[in-house]
Amino acid sequence: MKQLICTLLIIILFSCNSRTPIDVKQINSQETVTILPSLKNPLIKDSVSLSIPIELQININSSKVSYITWNYIVNGKSLYDDTFDYQVYIKQNKTHPINNLNANDLSQNKKINIILKERNHLISKKDAKELLKKYNINRSLDNLKFGDTIKLTTYDKFKKENKEVIRNIAKINDTISFKVTRGEKYFFFLDKKINW
């Protein structure tokens, strides 16, 4: 009997210690897919940027998590978190992009949904015009400038109705890499592959 109790205690202790400080799950987003001008290289005249929102739910498993940051990796290369490559928002407050989740964010929530709005996928203006036609949007792509946005439809709907576009995007390996600070010296790294 003593041996059984000791074995159970060891299993319980091991399972508690092996739990990761965060879990990340991708959600089938209902955020809006948009068309933007090519921000990285405005000299490109025959393409526009297709901005696809990725929604991720971060579950906080430890009260000691004090800081979470991330890095978006496309085809093995890290993108910069700024206006040109991608921006991240807390779902409940999409007015200001964020670069991390700090102790204040984490102390209030055990689940935090973030929206990653990537702007790295270029499509030809011809393909973009087909999308505008499909969604009955009467807008010109000719003079798009910084700050202009054309809203198409929600991502969950876009994904079902534009399988070829999604298939082309999925050919590139996209990952979001999280760095979690727990305590003063403990760091935990978690990579999450984006499923288009």
N, C-alpha and C. Protein backbone atom coordinates (compact mmCIF):
# COMPACT_ATOMS: atom_id res chain seq x y z
N MET A 1 0.82 -1.20 0.00
CA MET A 1 0.00 0.00 0.00
C MET A 1 0.86 1.26 0.00
N LYS A 2 1.92 1.27 0.84
CA LYS A 2 2.82 2.43 0.88
C LYS A 2 3.48 2.66 -0.48
N GLN A 3 3.85 1.57 -1.08
CA GLN A 3 4.51 1.66 -2.39
C GLN A 3 3.56 2.25 -3.44
N LEU A 4 2.30 1.85 -3.39
CA LEU A 4 1.31 2.37 -4.32
C LEU A 4 1.10 3.87 -4.12
N ILE A 5 1.01 4.31 -2.86
CA ILE A 5 0.83 5.73 -2.56
C ILE A 5 2.04 6.53 -3.03
N CYS A 6 3.24 6.03 -2.77
CA CYS A 6 4.47 6.72 -3.22
C CYS A 6 4.50 6.83 -4.74
N THR A 7 4.12 5.77 -5.42
CA THR A 7 4.10 5.79 -6.88
C THR A 7 3.10 6.83 -7.40
N LEU A 8 1.91 6.87 -6.81
CA LEU A 8 0.91 7.85 -7.22
C LEU A 8 1.38 9.27 -6.96
N LEU A 9 2.01 9.51 -5.84
CA LEU A 9 2.54 10.85 -5.53
C LEU A 9 3.60 11.28 -6.55
N ILE A 10 4.48 10.36 -6.91
CA ILE A 10 5.52 10.66 -7.90
C ILE A 10 4.89 11.00 -9.24
N ILE A 11 3.88 10.24 -9.64
CA ILE A 11 3.19 10.49 -10.91
C ILE A 11 2.51 11.86 -10.88
N ILE A 12 1.84 12.19 -9.78
CA ILE A 12 1.16 13.48 -9.66
C ILE A 12 2.17 14.62 -9.70
N LEU A 13 3.25 14.49 -8.96
CA LEU A 13 4.27 15.54 -8.96
C LEU A 13 4.89 15.71 -10.34
N PHE A 14 5.16 14.60 -11.01
CA PHE A 14 5.76 14.67 -12.34
C PHE A 14 4.81 15.33 -13.34
N SER A 15 3.51 14.97 -13.26
CA SER A 15 2.55 15.56 -14.21
C SER A 15 2.36 17.05 -13.95
N CYS A 16 2.41 17.49 -12.70
CA CYS A 16 2.30 18.91 -12.39
C CYS A 16 3.50 19.69 -12.90
N ASN A 17 4.67 19.12 -12.75
CA ASN A 17 5.89 19.80 -13.17
C ASN A 17 6.06 19.79 -14.68
N SER A 18 5.47 18.80 -15.36
CA SER A 18 5.67 18.70 -16.81
C SER A 18 4.69 19.57 -17.60
N ARG A 19 3.71 20.13 -16.94
CA ARG A 19 2.73 20.97 -17.62
C ARG A 19 3.41 22.24 -18.13
N THR A 20 3.17 22.58 -19.36
CA THR A 20 3.80 23.76 -19.95
C THR A 20 3.15 25.02 -19.40
N PRO A 21 3.91 26.11 -19.29
CA PRO A 21 3.33 27.34 -18.73
C PRO A 21 2.22 27.95 -19.60
N ILE A 22 2.27 27.70 -20.92
CA ILE A 22 1.18 28.14 -21.81
C ILE A 22 0.88 27.05 -22.83
N ASP A 23 -0.34 27.07 -23.30
CA ASP A 23 -0.75 26.28 -24.46
C ASP A 23 -1.29 27.28 -25.48
N VAL A 24 -1.07 26.99 -26.75
CA VAL A 24 -1.56 27.88 -27.80
C VAL A 24 -2.38 27.06 -28.78
N LYS A 25 -3.58 27.55 -29.06
CA LYS A 25 -4.48 26.86 -29.98
C LYS A 25 -4.93 27.86 -31.05
N GLN A 26 -4.89 27.44 -32.30
CA GLN A 26 -5.37 28.30 -33.38
C GLN A 26 -6.89 28.16 -33.48
N ILE A 27 -7.56 29.31 -33.60
CA ILE A 27 -9.02 29.36 -33.68
C ILE A 27 -9.41 29.67 -35.13
N ASN A 28 -10.49 29.08 -35.59
CA ASN A 28 -11.00 29.38 -36.93
C ASN A 28 -11.60 30.78 -36.89
N SER A 29 -10.84 31.76 -37.32
CA SER A 29 -11.15 33.17 -37.09
C SER A 29 -12.32 33.68 -37.92
N GLN A 30 -13.07 34.60 -37.31
CA GLN A 30 -14.13 35.32 -38.02
C GLN A 30 -13.73 36.77 -38.23
N GLU A 31 -12.42 37.04 -38.11
CA GLU A 31 -11.91 38.37 -38.42
C GLU A 31 -11.89 38.55 -39.94
N THR A 32 -11.79 39.79 -40.40
CA THR A 32 -11.94 40.11 -41.82
C THR A 32 -10.62 40.02 -42.60
N VAL A 33 -10.69 39.37 -43.74
CA VAL A 33 -9.58 39.34 -44.71
C VAL A 33 -9.64 40.66 -45.48
N THR A 34 -8.47 41.29 -45.67
CA THR A 34 -8.45 42.58 -46.35
C THR A 34 -7.41 42.61 -47.47
N ILE A 35 -7.58 43.57 -48.35
CA ILE A 35 -6.58 43.87 -49.38
C ILE A 35 -5.98 45.22 -49.04
N LEU A 36 -4.65 45.29 -49.10
CA LEU A 36 -3.90 46.51 -48.79
C LEU A 36 -2.92 46.79 -49.92
N PRO A 37 -2.41 48.00 -49.99
CA PRO A 37 -1.32 48.23 -50.95
C PRO A 37 -0.09 47.45 -50.49
N SER A 38 0.81 47.19 -51.41
CA SER A 38 2.07 46.52 -51.04
C SER A 38 2.90 47.50 -50.22
N LEU A 39 2.92 47.30 -48.91
CA LEU A 39 3.59 48.25 -48.02
C LEU A 39 5.11 48.08 -48.02
N LYS A 40 5.57 46.85 -48.22
CA LYS A 40 7.01 46.59 -48.19
C LYS A 40 7.73 47.26 -49.34
N ASN A 41 7.10 47.17 -50.51
CA ASN A 41 7.72 47.74 -51.70
C ASN A 41 6.66 48.46 -52.52
N PRO A 42 6.45 49.75 -52.24
CA PRO A 42 5.40 50.49 -52.95
C PRO A 42 5.63 50.60 -54.46
N LEU A 43 6.83 50.28 -54.91
CA LEU A 43 7.12 50.35 -56.34
C LEU A 43 6.50 49.19 -57.11
N ILE A 44 6.11 48.14 -56.38
CA ILE A 44 5.43 47.02 -57.04
C ILE A 44 4.03 47.47 -57.43
N LYS A 45 3.78 47.54 -58.71
CA LYS A 45 2.51 48.08 -59.21
C LYS A 45 1.53 46.99 -59.64
N ASP A 46 2.02 45.76 -59.85
CA ASP A 46 1.14 44.72 -60.38
C ASP A 46 0.60 43.78 -59.29
N SER A 47 0.92 44.06 -58.01
CA SER A 47 0.47 43.21 -56.91
C SER A 47 -0.04 44.04 -55.75
N VAL A 48 -0.86 43.41 -54.93
CA VAL A 48 -1.33 44.01 -53.68
C VAL A 48 -1.15 42.98 -52.58
N SER A 49 -1.26 43.43 -51.36
CA SER A 49 -1.09 42.55 -50.21
C SER A 49 -2.45 42.02 -49.77
N LEU A 50 -2.50 40.71 -49.54
CA LEU A 50 -3.70 40.07 -49.01
C LEU A 50 -3.43 39.81 -47.53
N SER A 51 -4.14 40.52 -46.68
CA SER A 51 -3.92 40.41 -45.24
C SER A 51 -4.92 39.42 -44.64
N ILE A 52 -4.36 38.34 -44.09
CA ILE A 52 -5.18 37.27 -43.53
C ILE A 52 -5.01 37.25 -42.01
N PRO A 53 -6.11 37.33 -41.27
CA PRO A 53 -6.01 37.33 -39.81
C PRO A 53 -5.90 35.91 -39.24
N ILE A 54 -4.96 35.73 -38.35
CA ILE A 54 -4.78 34.46 -37.65
C ILE A 54 -5.20 34.69 -36.20
N GLU A 55 -6.11 33.88 -35.69
CA GLU A 55 -6.52 34.02 -34.29
C GLU A 55 -5.94 32.87 -33.48
N LEU A 56 -5.29 33.24 -32.39
CA LEU A 56 -4.66 32.27 -31.51
C LEU A 56 -5.16 32.47 -30.08
N GLN A 57 -5.53 31.37 -29.44
CA GLN A 57 -5.94 31.43 -28.04
C GLN A 57 -4.76 30.95 -27.19
N ILE A 58 -4.31 31.82 -26.29
CA ILE A 58 -3.21 31.47 -25.38
C ILE A 58 -3.83 31.15 -24.03
N ASN A 59 -3.61 29.92 -23.58
CA ASN A 59 -4.08 29.49 -22.26
C ASN A 59 -2.91 29.57 -21.30
N ILE A 60 -3.07 30.33 -20.23
CA ILE A 60 -2.02 30.50 -19.23
C ILE A 60 -2.20 29.41 -18.18
N ASN A 61 -1.19 28.54 -18.04
CA ASN A 61 -1.26 27.40 -17.12
C ASN A 61 -0.51 27.62 -15.81
N SER A 62 0.17 28.74 -15.70
CA SER A 62 0.97 28.99 -14.50
C SER A 62 0.80 30.44 -14.06
N SER A 63 0.61 30.63 -12.76
CA SER A 63 0.48 31.99 -12.23
C SER A 63 1.83 32.72 -12.23
N LYS A 64 2.90 32.00 -12.51
CA LYS A 64 4.23 32.61 -12.51
C LYS A 64 4.63 33.19 -13.86
N VAL A 65 3.79 33.00 -14.89
CA VAL A 65 4.09 33.59 -16.20
C VAL A 65 3.99 35.10 -16.07
N SER A 66 5.09 35.79 -16.43
CA SER A 66 5.11 37.25 -16.26
C SER A 66 5.21 38.02 -17.57
N TYR A 67 5.55 37.32 -18.66
CA TYR A 67 5.81 38.04 -19.91
C TYR A 67 5.76 37.04 -21.06
N ILE A 68 5.09 37.41 -22.15
CA ILE A 68 5.06 36.57 -23.36
C ILE A 68 5.35 37.47 -24.55
N THR A 69 6.27 37.04 -25.37
CA THR A 69 6.54 37.74 -26.63
C THR A 69 6.55 36.71 -27.75
N TRP A 70 6.61 37.15 -28.99
CA TRP A 70 6.52 36.23 -30.12
C TRP A 70 7.33 36.74 -31.30
N ASN A 71 7.52 35.82 -32.22
CA ASN A 71 8.22 36.12 -33.46
C ASN A 71 7.51 35.35 -34.57
N TYR A 72 7.18 36.02 -35.65
CA TYR A 72 6.49 35.39 -36.76
C TYR A 72 7.53 34.98 -37.80
N ILE A 73 7.52 33.70 -38.17
CA ILE A 73 8.54 33.15 -39.06
C ILE A 73 7.86 32.62 -40.33
N VAL A 74 8.29 33.13 -41.46
CA VAL A 74 7.75 32.71 -42.76
C VAL A 74 8.89 32.13 -43.58
N ASN A 75 8.71 30.87 -43.99
CA ASN A 75 9.70 30.20 -44.83
C ASN A 75 11.10 30.26 -44.21
N GLY A 76 11.17 30.09 -42.88
CA GLY A 76 12.45 30.07 -42.17
C GLY A 76 13.03 31.43 -41.84
N LYS A 77 12.36 32.52 -42.22
CA LYS A 77 12.88 33.86 -41.95
C LYS A 77 11.96 34.61 -41.00
N SER A 78 12.56 35.24 -39.99
CA SER A 78 11.78 36.04 -39.04
C SER A 78 11.33 37.33 -39.70
N LEU A 79 10.07 37.67 -39.49
CA LEU A 79 9.54 38.93 -39.98
C LEU A 79 9.57 39.95 -38.85
N TYR A 80 9.62 41.20 -39.21
CA TYR A 80 9.62 42.26 -38.21
C TYR A 80 8.19 42.62 -37.85
N ASP A 81 7.95 42.81 -36.56
CA ASP A 81 6.61 43.16 -36.09
C ASP A 81 6.42 44.66 -36.23
N ASP A 82 5.96 45.07 -37.35
CA ASP A 82 5.74 46.50 -37.59
C ASP A 82 4.66 46.66 -38.64
N THR A 83 4.54 47.80 -39.18
CA THR A 83 3.49 48.08 -40.16
C THR A 83 3.60 47.23 -41.41
N PHE A 84 4.80 46.84 -41.79
CA PHE A 84 4.99 46.22 -43.09
C PHE A 84 4.76 44.72 -43.12
N ASP A 85 5.16 43.97 -42.09
CA ASP A 85 5.07 42.52 -42.14
C ASP A 85 3.82 41.97 -41.44
N TYR A 86 3.62 42.33 -40.21
CA TYR A 86 2.46 41.86 -39.47
C TYR A 86 2.27 42.70 -38.22
N GLN A 87 1.06 42.64 -37.69
CA GLN A 87 0.76 43.29 -36.42
C GLN A 87 -0.07 42.32 -35.59
N VAL A 88 0.05 42.45 -34.26
CA VAL A 88 -0.69 41.59 -33.35
C VAL A 88 -1.57 42.47 -32.46
N TYR A 89 -2.79 42.01 -32.24
CA TYR A 89 -3.76 42.73 -31.41
C TYR A 89 -4.36 41.77 -30.39
N ILE A 90 -4.73 42.28 -29.24
CA ILE A 90 -5.59 41.52 -28.34
C ILE A 90 -6.98 41.59 -28.95
N LYS A 91 -7.67 40.47 -29.02
CA LYS A 91 -8.95 40.42 -29.73
C LYS A 91 -9.96 41.43 -29.17
N GLN A 92 -9.96 41.61 -27.85
CA GLN A 92 -10.93 42.51 -27.24
C GLN A 92 -10.60 43.98 -27.48
N ASN A 93 -9.39 44.27 -27.98
CA ASN A 93 -9.00 45.67 -28.21
C ASN A 93 -8.15 45.73 -29.48
N LYS A 94 -8.81 45.82 -30.62
CA LYS A 94 -8.09 45.77 -31.89
C LYS A 94 -7.69 47.14 -32.40
N THR A 95 -7.70 48.14 -31.53
CA THR A 95 -7.35 49.48 -31.97
C THR A 95 -5.84 49.74 -31.92
N HIS A 96 -5.12 49.06 -31.03
CA HIS A 96 -3.69 49.29 -30.89
C HIS A 96 -2.91 47.99 -31.00
N PRO A 97 -1.94 47.92 -31.92
CA PRO A 97 -1.11 46.72 -32.00
C PRO A 97 -0.25 46.58 -30.74
N ILE A 98 0.09 45.33 -30.41
CA ILE A 98 0.93 45.05 -29.25
C ILE A 98 2.16 44.27 -29.69
N ASN A 99 3.21 44.32 -28.88
CA ASN A 99 4.44 43.56 -29.15
C ASN A 99 4.63 42.43 -28.16
N ASN A 100 3.83 42.42 -27.08
CA ASN A 100 3.98 41.40 -26.05
C ASN A 100 2.76 41.40 -25.16
N LEU A 101 2.71 40.41 -24.30
CA LEU A 101 1.73 40.37 -23.22
C LEU A 101 2.53 40.50 -21.93
N ASN A 102 2.20 41.49 -21.12
CA ASN A 102 2.97 41.71 -19.90
C ASN A 102 2.19 41.23 -18.68
N ALA A 103 2.79 41.44 -17.50
CA ALA A 103 2.19 40.96 -16.25
C ALA A 103 0.78 41.49 -16.06
N ASN A 104 0.53 42.73 -16.45
CA ASN A 104 -0.80 43.31 -16.30
C ASN A 104 -1.83 42.56 -17.16
N ASP A 105 -1.49 42.26 -18.40
CA ASP A 105 -2.38 41.50 -19.28
C ASP A 105 -2.63 40.10 -18.73
N LEU A 106 -1.55 39.49 -18.24
CA LEU A 106 -1.60 38.10 -17.82
C LEU A 106 -2.29 37.90 -16.48
N SER A 107 -2.23 38.90 -15.60
CA SER A 107 -2.85 38.75 -14.28
C SER A 107 -4.37 38.81 -14.36
N GLN A 108 -4.89 39.40 -15.41
CA GLN A 108 -6.34 39.57 -15.54
C GLN A 108 -7.01 38.42 -16.28
N ASN A 109 -6.25 37.62 -17.00
CA ASN A 109 -6.84 36.59 -17.86
C ASN A 109 -6.07 35.28 -17.79
N LYS A 110 -6.81 34.18 -17.86
CA LYS A 110 -6.20 32.86 -18.00
C LYS A 110 -6.24 32.40 -19.46
N LYS A 111 -7.10 33.06 -20.25
CA LYS A 111 -7.17 32.81 -21.69
C LYS A 111 -7.12 34.15 -22.38
N ILE A 112 -6.22 34.29 -23.33
CA ILE A 112 -6.11 35.54 -24.09
C ILE A 112 -6.11 35.18 -25.57
N ASN A 113 -7.02 35.81 -26.30
CA ASN A 113 -7.04 35.62 -27.75
C ASN A 113 -6.32 36.78 -28.41
N ILE A 114 -5.37 36.43 -29.27
CA ILE A 114 -4.66 37.46 -30.03
C ILE A 114 -4.96 37.26 -31.52
N ILE A 115 -4.94 38.36 -32.24
CA ILE A 115 -5.14 38.33 -33.69
C ILE A 115 -3.84 38.77 -34.34
N LEU A 116 -3.27 37.91 -35.17
CA LEU A 116 -2.08 38.25 -35.94
C LEU A 116 -2.56 38.62 -37.33
N LYS A 117 -2.34 39.87 -37.72
CA LYS A 117 -2.73 40.32 -39.06
C LYS A 117 -1.45 40.41 -39.89
N GLU A 118 -1.22 39.36 -40.66
CA GLU A 118 0.00 39.35 -41.46
C GLU A 118 -0.26 40.05 -42.79
N ARG A 119 0.79 40.67 -43.31
CA ARG A 119 0.66 41.45 -44.54
C ARG A 119 1.74 41.06 -45.54
N ASN A 120 2.12 39.82 -45.50
CA ASN A 120 3.28 39.37 -46.26
C ASN A 120 2.92 38.68 -47.57
N HIS A 121 1.65 38.34 -47.77
CA HIS A 121 1.26 37.58 -48.95
C HIS A 121 0.81 38.52 -50.07
N LEU A 122 1.57 38.52 -51.15
CA LEU A 122 1.21 39.34 -52.32
C LEU A 122 0.40 38.50 -53.29
N ILE A 123 -0.61 39.14 -53.87
CA ILE A 123 -1.36 38.50 -54.95
C ILE A 123 -1.39 39.49 -56.11
N SER A 124 -1.54 38.95 -57.30
CA SER A 124 -1.58 39.83 -58.47
C SER A 124 -2.85 40.68 -58.43
N LYS A 125 -2.79 41.83 -59.08
CA LYS A 125 -3.98 42.68 -59.16
C LYS A 125 -5.10 41.98 -59.90
N LYS A 126 -4.74 41.13 -60.85
CA LYS A 126 -5.75 40.37 -61.59
C LYS A 126 -6.52 39.47 -60.62
N ASP A 127 -5.78 38.74 -59.76
CA ASP A 127 -6.45 37.86 -58.78
C ASP A 127 -7.24 38.67 -57.76
N ALA A 128 -6.70 39.82 -57.37
CA ALA A 128 -7.39 40.69 -56.41
C ALA A 128 -8.70 41.20 -57.01
N LYS A 129 -8.69 41.54 -58.30
CA LYS A 129 -9.91 42.01 -58.96
C LYS A 129 -10.97 40.92 -58.99
N GLU A 130 -10.53 39.66 -59.16
CA GLU A 130 -11.47 38.53 -59.12
C GLU A 130 -12.11 38.40 -57.74
N LEU A 131 -11.31 38.63 -56.70
CA LEU A 131 -11.85 38.58 -55.34
C LEU A 131 -12.86 39.71 -55.11
N LEU A 132 -12.54 40.91 -55.59
CA LEU A 132 -13.48 42.03 -55.46
C LEU A 132 -14.80 41.72 -56.16
N LYS A 133 -14.69 41.14 -57.34
CA LYS A 133 -15.88 40.78 -58.11
C LYS A 133 -16.69 39.72 -57.36
N LYS A 134 -16.00 38.72 -56.82
CA LYS A 134 -16.66 37.63 -56.09
C LYS A 134 -17.46 38.16 -54.90
N TYR A 135 -16.94 39.17 -54.23
CA TYR A 135 -17.59 39.70 -53.03
C TYR A 135 -18.37 41.01 -53.30
N ASN A 136 -18.63 41.28 -54.58
CA ASN A 136 -19.44 42.44 -54.99
C ASN A 136 -18.93 43.75 -54.40
N ILE A 137 -17.62 43.95 -54.49
CA ILE A 137 -17.00 45.16 -53.97
C ILE A 137 -16.57 46.02 -55.15
N ASN A 138 -17.10 47.23 -55.20
CA ASN A 138 -16.82 48.13 -56.31
C ASN A 138 -15.74 49.13 -55.88
N ARG A 139 -14.49 48.70 -55.90
CA ARG A 139 -13.37 49.56 -55.52
C ARG A 139 -12.25 49.38 -56.54
N SER A 140 -11.48 50.42 -56.75
CA SER A 140 -10.35 50.36 -57.66
C SER A 140 -9.08 49.98 -56.89
N LEU A 141 -8.24 49.21 -57.54
CA LEU A 141 -6.95 48.83 -56.94
C LEU A 141 -5.82 49.74 -57.44
N ASP A 142 -6.13 50.63 -58.36
CA ASP A 142 -5.08 51.40 -59.04
C ASP A 142 -4.37 52.41 -58.15
N ASN A 143 -5.06 53.08 -57.29
CA ASN A 143 -4.40 54.13 -56.51
C ASN A 143 -4.44 53.87 -55.01
N LEU A 144 -4.26 52.60 -54.63
CA LEU A 144 -4.22 52.29 -53.20
C LEU A 144 -2.99 52.94 -52.58
N LYS A 145 -3.19 53.57 -51.43
CA LYS A 145 -2.05 54.19 -50.76
C LYS A 145 -2.01 53.74 -49.30
N PHE A 146 -0.93 54.07 -48.62
CA PHE A 146 -0.75 53.68 -47.23
C PHE A 146 -1.99 54.07 -46.42
N GLY A 147 -2.52 53.11 -45.67
CA GLY A 147 -3.71 53.36 -44.87
C GLY A 147 -5.00 52.90 -45.52
N ASP A 148 -4.99 52.66 -46.84
CA ASP A 148 -6.18 52.17 -47.52
C ASP A 148 -6.39 50.69 -47.23
N THR A 149 -7.64 50.32 -47.01
CA THR A 149 -7.99 48.93 -46.73
C THR A 149 -9.27 48.59 -47.45
N ILE A 150 -9.28 47.45 -48.12
CA ILE A 150 -10.50 46.94 -48.74
C ILE A 150 -10.87 45.66 -48.01
N LYS A 151 -12.05 45.68 -47.36
CA LYS A 151 -12.51 44.52 -46.60
C LYS A 151 -13.22 43.55 -47.53
N LEU A 152 -12.83 42.26 -47.44
CA LEU A 152 -13.44 41.24 -48.28
C LEU A 152 -14.55 40.50 -47.54
N THR A 153 -14.18 39.59 -46.65
CA THR A 153 -15.13 38.77 -45.89
C THR A 153 -14.40 38.18 -44.70
N THR A 154 -15.10 37.45 -43.85
CA THR A 154 -14.45 36.84 -42.69
C THR A 154 -13.53 35.70 -43.15
N TYR A 155 -12.49 35.45 -42.36
CA TYR A 155 -11.51 34.43 -42.76
C TYR A 155 -12.13 33.04 -42.85
N ASP A 156 -13.01 32.67 -41.92
CA ASP A 156 -13.61 31.33 -41.97
C ASP A 156 -14.37 31.14 -43.29
N LYS A 157 -15.05 32.18 -43.74
CA LYS A 157 -15.79 32.11 -45.01
C LYS A 157 -14.80 32.15 -46.19
N PHE A 158 -13.81 33.03 -46.12
CA PHE A 158 -12.82 33.16 -47.19
C PHE A 158 -12.10 31.83 -47.44
N LYS A 159 -11.77 31.15 -46.35
CA LYS A 159 -11.05 29.87 -46.43
C LYS A 159 -11.87 28.83 -47.20
N LYS A 160 -13.17 28.80 -46.96
CA LYS A 160 -14.03 27.83 -47.65
C LYS A 160 -14.22 28.19 -49.12
N GLU A 161 -14.29 29.48 -49.42
CA GLU A 161 -14.65 29.92 -50.76
C GLU A 161 -13.45 30.18 -51.68
N ASN A 162 -12.24 30.13 -51.14
CA ASN A 162 -11.04 30.42 -51.94
C ASN A 162 -9.94 29.41 -51.66
N LYS A 163 -10.26 28.16 -51.90
CA LYS A 163 -9.34 27.06 -51.56
C LYS A 163 -8.01 27.16 -52.30
N GLU A 164 -8.04 27.62 -53.53
CA GLU A 164 -6.79 27.71 -54.31
C GLU A 164 -5.86 28.77 -53.72
N VAL A 165 -6.42 29.91 -53.32
CA VAL A 165 -5.61 30.96 -52.69
C VAL A 165 -4.99 30.43 -51.40
N ILE A 166 -5.79 29.77 -50.58
CA ILE A 166 -5.31 29.22 -49.31
C ILE A 166 -4.27 28.14 -49.57
N ARG A 167 -4.48 27.30 -50.57
CA ARG A 167 -3.51 26.25 -50.90
C ARG A 167 -2.16 26.86 -51.28
N ASN A 168 -2.17 27.95 -52.02
CA ASN A 168 -0.91 28.62 -52.40
C ASN A 168 -0.20 29.21 -51.18
N ILE A 169 -0.97 29.78 -50.26
CA ILE A 169 -0.38 30.36 -49.05
C ILE A 169 0.19 29.25 -48.17
N ALA A 170 -0.51 28.12 -48.10
CA ALA A 170 -0.10 27.02 -47.22
C ALA A 170 1.18 26.33 -47.69
N LYS A 171 1.60 26.59 -48.93
CA LYS A 171 2.85 25.99 -49.43
C LYS A 171 4.06 26.51 -48.67
N ILE A 172 3.93 27.69 -48.10
CA ILE A 172 5.04 28.30 -47.35
C ILE A 172 4.85 27.95 -45.88
N ASN A 173 5.93 27.51 -45.24
CA ASN A 173 5.85 27.11 -43.84
C ASN A 173 5.86 28.35 -42.94
N ASP A 174 4.72 28.63 -42.30
CA ASP A 174 4.59 29.78 -41.41
C ASP A 174 4.45 29.29 -39.97
N THR A 175 5.18 29.95 -39.07
CA THR A 175 5.19 29.56 -37.66
C THR A 175 5.20 30.82 -36.80
N ILE A 176 4.56 30.74 -35.65
CA ILE A 176 4.72 31.80 -34.67
C ILE A 176 5.42 31.18 -33.47
N SER A 177 6.51 31.81 -33.07
CA SER A 177 7.35 31.29 -32.00
C SER A 177 7.17 32.15 -30.75
N PHE A 178 6.74 31.53 -29.65
CA PHE A 178 6.49 32.24 -28.40
C PHE A 178 7.66 32.06 -27.43
N LYS A 179 8.00 33.14 -26.74
CA LYS A 179 8.98 33.09 -25.65
C LYS A 179 8.25 33.52 -24.39
N VAL A 180 8.27 32.65 -23.38
CA VAL A 180 7.53 32.88 -22.15
C VAL A 180 8.52 33.06 -21.00
N THR A 181 8.36 34.13 -20.24
CA THR A 181 9.17 34.34 -19.05
C THR A 181 8.34 33.91 -17.85
N ARG A 182 8.91 33.02 -17.06
CA ARG A 182 8.24 32.56 -15.84
C ARG A 182 9.23 32.73 -14.70
N GLY A 183 8.87 33.55 -13.73
CA GLY A 183 9.83 33.86 -12.67
C GLY A 183 10.87 34.83 -13.20
N GLU A 184 12.04 34.81 -12.60
CA GLU A 184 13.09 35.75 -13.01
C GLU A 184 14.03 35.18 -14.05
N LYS A 185 14.27 33.87 -14.02
CA LYS A 185 15.31 33.31 -14.89
C LYS A 185 14.82 32.20 -15.80
N TYR A 186 13.58 31.82 -15.70
CA TYR A 186 13.10 30.67 -16.47
C TYR A 186 12.44 31.14 -17.77
N PHE A 187 12.89 30.59 -18.87
CA PHE A 187 12.31 30.90 -20.18
C PHE A 187 11.79 29.61 -20.80
N PHE A 188 10.65 29.71 -21.45
CA PHE A 188 10.03 28.58 -22.12
C PHE A 188 9.75 29.01 -23.56
N PHE A 189 10.06 28.14 -24.51
CA PHE A 189 9.85 28.45 -25.92
C PHE A 189 8.83 27.48 -26.51
N LEU A 190 7.92 28.02 -27.30
CA LEU A 190 6.89 27.20 -27.92
C LEU A 190 6.68 27.67 -29.35
N ASP A 191 6.80 26.76 -30.30
CA ASP A 191 6.55 27.07 -31.71
C ASP A 191 5.19 26.52 -32.11
N LYS A 192 4.42 27.35 -32.80
CA LYS A 192 3.08 26.95 -33.25
C LYS A 192 3.01 27.13 -34.76
N LYS A 193 2.84 26.02 -35.48
CA LYS A 193 2.71 26.11 -36.94
C LYS A 193 1.34 26.68 -37.29
N ILE A 194 1.31 27.59 -38.24
CA ILE A 194 0.05 28.18 -38.69
C ILE A 194 -0.61 27.22 -39.67
N ASN A 195 -1.84 26.86 -39.40
CA ASN A 195 -2.61 26.02 -40.29
C ASN A 195 -3.56 26.88 -41.10
N TRP A 196 -3.20 27.08 -42.36
CA TRP A 196 -4.07 27.89 -43.22
C TRP A 196 -5.24 27.04 -43.63
